[in-house]
Amino acid sequence: MTEKHGFLDALKHVAFEDEPAPPEKHTPPPAASNFAAPSFVSTPIPAAIPSFAAAPPIDAGVVPDSDAVYQSLLAKTDFESTTTAGTIHKFLDPLKAIPDSVMPTNVKFKTAILQASAQAALTEDGILGTFDSLKGKLQQEKDAFSGKAQQFAAREISGRQDQIQKITEQISQLQQELAQLSNELVEAQGKSTHAQSQFEAAVQRRASELEQQKALYASLLKG
């Protein structure tokens, strides 16, 4: 057990070689002075495990965590389900038993990364590359949804829009025909009224002429 803690203390010393020296009870034994850490350790590594490091809040918009679409995307792009996360947990979870007062959470994480790097060939590029891969999967899901959305729009939206356009054109054509028929009706009604008035006038004139001729012949007959 002493040897194990000495190894962990050595890793802590390497991971924080640019920080102030910890209390004397955490001073690594002389045997750890020759421990060689991966070159990337001197650069702080972003916290990959949310439960062990605070992450900036994510603006999720109006999509609730219980939304089925969001949950589907989460399941397909969950870092915790990746081999990389599994490797990190393999070395990080055993360190949970160590009190934070003895080994802070960020030290636990960096220690786990050091162990994973040495024993499982896990690298910083590999960790960050996993997130790039997940982003690629998310883009694939987006592209697939866009294709389905276009198919739906072509089938359910564009078809109805075309039909509405055709009906609108038909209505416009019918309105033009209605206006033309209305004008023709008014013109025909005008002609009919004029013809009837002319005929009535002609009838009255001819009736008057016949009465006058009748009167004339009646007078001549009386001689």
Protein backbone atom coordinates (compact mmCIF):
# COMPACT_ATOMS: atom_id res chain seq x y z
CA MET A 1 0.00 0.00 0.00
CA THR A 2 2.90 2.35 0.82
CA GLU A 3 4.44 1.66 -2.56
CA LYS A 4 1.12 2.43 -4.33
CA HIS A 5 0.70 5.74 -2.55
CA GLY A 6 4.29 6.59 -3.29
CA PHE A 7 3.62 6.05 -6.98
CA LEU A 8 0.51 8.27 -6.86
CA ASP A 9 2.41 10.95 -4.97
CA ALA A 10 5.09 10.79 -7.65
CA LEU A 11 2.51 11.26 -10.37
CA LYS A 12 1.06 14.24 -8.50
CA HIS A 13 4.49 15.75 -8.22
CA VAL A 14 5.07 15.36 -11.97
CA ALA A 15 1.65 16.66 -12.94
CA PHE A 16 2.12 19.78 -10.80
CA GLU A 17 5.83 20.37 -11.14
CA ASP A 18 5.09 24.02 -12.07
CA GLU A 19 2.87 24.56 -8.97
CA PRO A 20 3.89 25.45 -5.38
CA ALA A 21 5.16 22.52 -3.36
CA PRO A 22 2.42 20.72 -1.35
CA PRO A 23 2.64 20.11 2.40
CA GLU A 24 5.43 17.91 3.60
CA LYS A 25 3.17 14.87 4.00
CA HIS A 26 2.64 14.87 0.22
CA THR A 27 6.31 15.30 -0.65
CA PRO A 28 7.18 12.48 -3.11
CA PRO A 29 9.89 10.04 -2.12
CA PRO A 30 13.31 10.40 -3.75
CA ALA A 31 12.64 7.35 -5.93
CA ALA A 32 10.05 9.30 -7.88
CA SER A 33 12.46 12.08 -8.92
CA ASN A 34 13.38 10.20 -12.10
CA PHE A 35 9.77 9.51 -13.14
CA ALA A 36 9.25 10.60 -16.75
CA ALA A 37 5.79 11.97 -17.62
CA PRO A 38 4.36 12.39 -21.12
CA SER A 39 5.25 15.73 -22.64
CA PHE A 40 1.63 16.87 -22.82
CA VAL A 41 1.10 16.73 -19.04
CA SER A 42 2.61 20.18 -18.51
CA THR A 43 -0.34 21.61 -20.43
CA PRO A 44 -3.61 21.49 -18.42
CA ILE A 45 -5.97 18.95 -19.96
CA PRO A 46 -9.65 19.88 -20.22
CA ALA A 47 -11.84 18.00 -17.78
CA ALA A 48 -13.35 15.11 -19.71
CA ILE A 49 -15.45 13.70 -16.87
CA PRO A 50 -18.24 16.11 -15.82
CA SER A 51 -18.60 14.52 -12.39
CA PHE A 52 -15.02 15.36 -11.53
CA ALA A 53 -14.55 18.79 -13.03
CA ALA A 54 -16.86 21.77 -13.47
CA ALA A 55 -17.74 22.49 -17.08
CA PRO A 56 -19.12 25.78 -18.47
CA PRO A 57 -22.91 25.83 -18.72
CA ILE A 58 -24.31 24.77 -22.07
CA ASP A 59 -27.08 26.83 -23.62
CA ALA A 60 -29.58 24.14 -24.56
CA GLY A 61 -32.11 26.64 -25.88
CA VAL A 62 -35.69 25.59 -25.28
CA VAL A 63 -35.09 21.84 -25.72
CA PRO A 64 -35.84 20.07 -22.41
CA ASP A 65 -33.64 17.24 -21.20
CA SER A 66 -36.64 14.92 -21.47
CA ASP A 67 -37.13 15.68 -25.17
CA ALA A 68 -37.05 12.44 -27.18
CA VAL A 69 -35.10 13.98 -30.07
CA TYR A 70 -32.45 15.38 -27.74
CA GLN A 71 -32.18 12.08 -25.87
CA SER A 72 -31.69 10.25 -29.18
CA LEU A 73 -28.87 12.61 -30.18
CA LEU A 74 -27.35 12.34 -26.71
CA ALA A 75 -27.31 8.55 -26.90
CA LYS A 76 -25.52 8.64 -30.25
CA THR A 77 -22.94 11.25 -29.19
CA ASP A 78 -22.42 10.41 -25.51
CA PHE A 79 -18.76 10.67 -24.57
CA GLU A 80 -19.34 8.40 -21.59
CA SER A 81 -20.20 5.54 -23.94
CA THR A 82 -16.90 5.79 -25.84
CA THR A 83 -13.83 3.64 -25.40
CA THR A 84 -11.86 6.74 -24.45
CA ALA A 85 -14.17 7.51 -21.52
CA GLY A 86 -14.05 3.87 -20.47
CA THR A 87 -10.26 3.98 -20.40
CA ILE A 88 -10.27 7.17 -18.33
CA HIS A 89 -12.76 5.68 -15.85
CA LYS A 90 -10.66 2.54 -15.58
CA PHE A 91 -7.90 4.57 -13.96
CA LEU A 92 -9.97 7.37 -12.47
CA ASP A 93 -12.68 5.44 -10.61
CA PRO A 94 -10.25 3.67 -8.22
CA LEU A 95 -9.01 7.10 -7.12
CA LYS A 96 -12.46 8.09 -5.88
CA ALA A 97 -11.73 6.28 -2.63
CA ILE A 98 -8.99 8.80 -1.84
CA PRO A 99 -10.41 11.79 0.11
CA ASP A 100 -10.35 15.11 -1.77
CA SER A 101 -8.41 16.58 1.15
CA VAL A 102 -5.59 14.19 0.31
CA MET A 103 -5.89 14.27 -3.47
CA PRO A 104 -8.02 17.01 -5.06
CA THR A 105 -10.29 16.02 -7.92
CA ASN A 106 -8.14 17.72 -10.57
CA VAL A 107 -5.10 15.83 -9.27
CA LYS A 108 -7.07 12.58 -9.46
CA PHE A 109 -7.97 13.29 -13.05
CA LYS A 110 -4.45 14.18 -14.14
CA THR A 111 -3.10 11.16 -12.28
CA ALA A 112 -5.56 8.91 -14.09
CA ILE A 113 -4.53 10.42 -17.41
CA LEU A 114 -0.88 9.78 -16.63
CA GLN A 115 -1.63 6.17 -15.80
CA ALA A 116 -3.83 5.74 -18.89
CA SER A 117 -1.09 7.24 -21.03
CA ALA A 118 1.54 4.89 -19.65
CA GLN A 119 -0.56 1.73 -19.54
CA ALA A 120 -3.20 2.18 -22.25
CA ALA A 121 -1.43 4.55 -24.67
CA LEU A 122 -4.13 7.19 -24.13
CA THR A 123 -3.05 10.59 -25.42
CA GLU A 124 -4.41 14.12 -25.21
CA ASP A 125 -5.00 14.07 -28.97
CA GLY A 126 -6.90 10.83 -28.56
CA ILE A 127 -9.18 12.35 -25.92
CA LEU A 128 -9.89 15.53 -27.86
CA GLY A 129 -10.15 13.54 -31.09
CA THR A 130 -12.98 11.53 -29.54
CA PHE A 131 -14.98 14.73 -29.15
CA ASP A 132 -14.25 15.61 -32.79
CA SER A 133 -15.54 12.16 -33.76
CA LEU A 134 -18.72 12.72 -31.73
CA LYS A 135 -19.20 16.09 -33.41
CA GLY A 136 -18.84 14.33 -36.74
CA LYS A 137 -21.58 11.88 -35.73
CA LEU A 138 -23.77 14.79 -34.71
CA GLN A 139 -23.19 16.40 -38.12
CA GLN A 140 -24.15 13.11 -39.79
CA GLU A 141 -27.38 13.07 -37.80
CA LYS A 142 -28.02 16.66 -38.83
CA ASP A 143 -27.39 15.88 -42.50
CA ALA A 144 -29.64 12.81 -42.33
CA PHE A 145 -32.42 14.84 -40.72
CA SER A 146 -32.01 17.57 -43.35
CA GLY A 147 -32.45 14.96 -46.09
CA LYS A 148 -35.60 13.59 -44.45
CA ALA A 149 -36.90 17.12 -43.92
CA GLN A 150 -36.40 17.89 -47.60
CA GLN A 151 -38.25 14.71 -48.58
CA PHE A 152 -41.10 15.59 -46.23
CA ALA A 153 -41.24 19.13 -47.60
CA ALA A 154 -41.32 17.83 -51.17
CA ARG A 155 -44.06 15.34 -50.34
CA GLU A 156 -46.21 17.21 -47.84
CA ILE A 157 -45.48 20.90 -48.41
CA SER A 158 -44.33 21.56 -51.97
CA GLY A 159 -47.08 19.33 -53.42
CA ARG A 160 -49.76 21.25 -51.54
CA GLN A 161 -48.18 24.55 -52.46
CA ASP A 162 -48.25 23.55 -56.14
CA GLN A 163 -51.87 22.45 -55.83
CA ILE A 164 -52.82 25.70 -54.11
CA GLN A 165 -51.03 27.62 -56.87
CA LYS A 166 -52.97 25.72 -59.55
CA ILE A 167 -56.27 26.30 -57.78
CA THR A 168 -55.41 29.97 -57.32
CA GLU A 169 -54.68 30.27 -61.03
CA GLN A 170 -57.95 28.49 -61.80
CA ILE A 171 -59.80 30.85 -59.47
CA SER A 172 -58.15 33.81 -61.17
CA GLN A 173 -59.14 32.45 -64.57
CA LEU A 174 -62.70 31.85 -63.39
CA GLN A 175 -62.85 35.34 -61.93
CA GLN A 176 -61.80 36.74 -65.31
CA GLU A 177 -64.43 34.63 -67.05
CA LEU A 178 -67.01 35.73 -64.47
CA ALA A 179 -66.14 39.38 -65.04
CA GLN A 180 -66.38 38.90 -68.81
CA LEU A 181 -69.72 37.08 -68.51
CA SER A 182 -71.00 39.81 -66.22
CA ASN A 183 -70.08 42.47 -68.78
CA GLU A 184 -71.69 40.44 -71.56
CA LEU A 185 -74.80 39.99 -69.41
CA VAL A 186 -75.10 43.71 -68.81
CA GLU A 187 -74.57 44.36 -72.53
CA ALA A 188 -77.17 41.74 -73.48
CA GLN A 189 -79.62 43.09 -70.93
CA GLY A 190 -79.10 46.57 -72.40
CA LYS A 191 -79.76 45.30 -75.91
CA SER A 192 -82.85 43.43 -74.76
CA THR A 193 -84.26 46.46 -72.98
CA HIS A 194 -83.54 48.69 -75.98
CA ALA A 195 -85.11 46.19 -78.39
CA GLN A 196 -88.21 45.85 -76.23
CA SER A 197 -88.62 49.62 -75.93
CA GLN A 198 -88.17 50.05 -79.67
CA PHE A 199 -90.68 47.30 -80.39
CA GLU A 200 -93.24 48.81 -77.99
CA ALA A 201 -92.75 52.20 -79.58
CA ALA A 202 -93.17 50.71 -83.06
CA VAL A 203 -96.32 48.85 -81.96
CA GLN A 204 -97.82 52.00 -80.48
CA ARG A 205 -96.95 54.01 -83.59
CA ARG A 206 -98.39 51.43 -85.92
CA ALA A 207 -101.51 51.08 -83.75
CA SER A 208 -101.99 54.83 -83.92
CA GLU A 209 -101.56 54.81 -87.69
CA LEU A 210 -104.09 52.03 -88.07
CA GLU A 211 -106.59 53.94 -85.95
CA GLN A 212 -106.07 56.99 -88.12
CA GLN A 213 -106.53 55.00 -91.34
CA LYS A 214 -109.58 53.30 -89.91
CA ALA A 215 -111.07 56.65 -89.05
CA LEU A 216 -110.29 57.90 -92.54
CA TYR A 217 -111.94 54.96 -94.26
CA ALA A 218 -114.88 55.13 -91.91
CA SER A 219 -115.35 58.77 -92.89
CA LEU A 220 -115.06 57.98 -96.60
CA LEU A 221 -117.57 55.15 -96.29
CA LYS A 222 -120.14 57.46 -94.77
CA GLY A 223 -119.58 59.70 -97.78
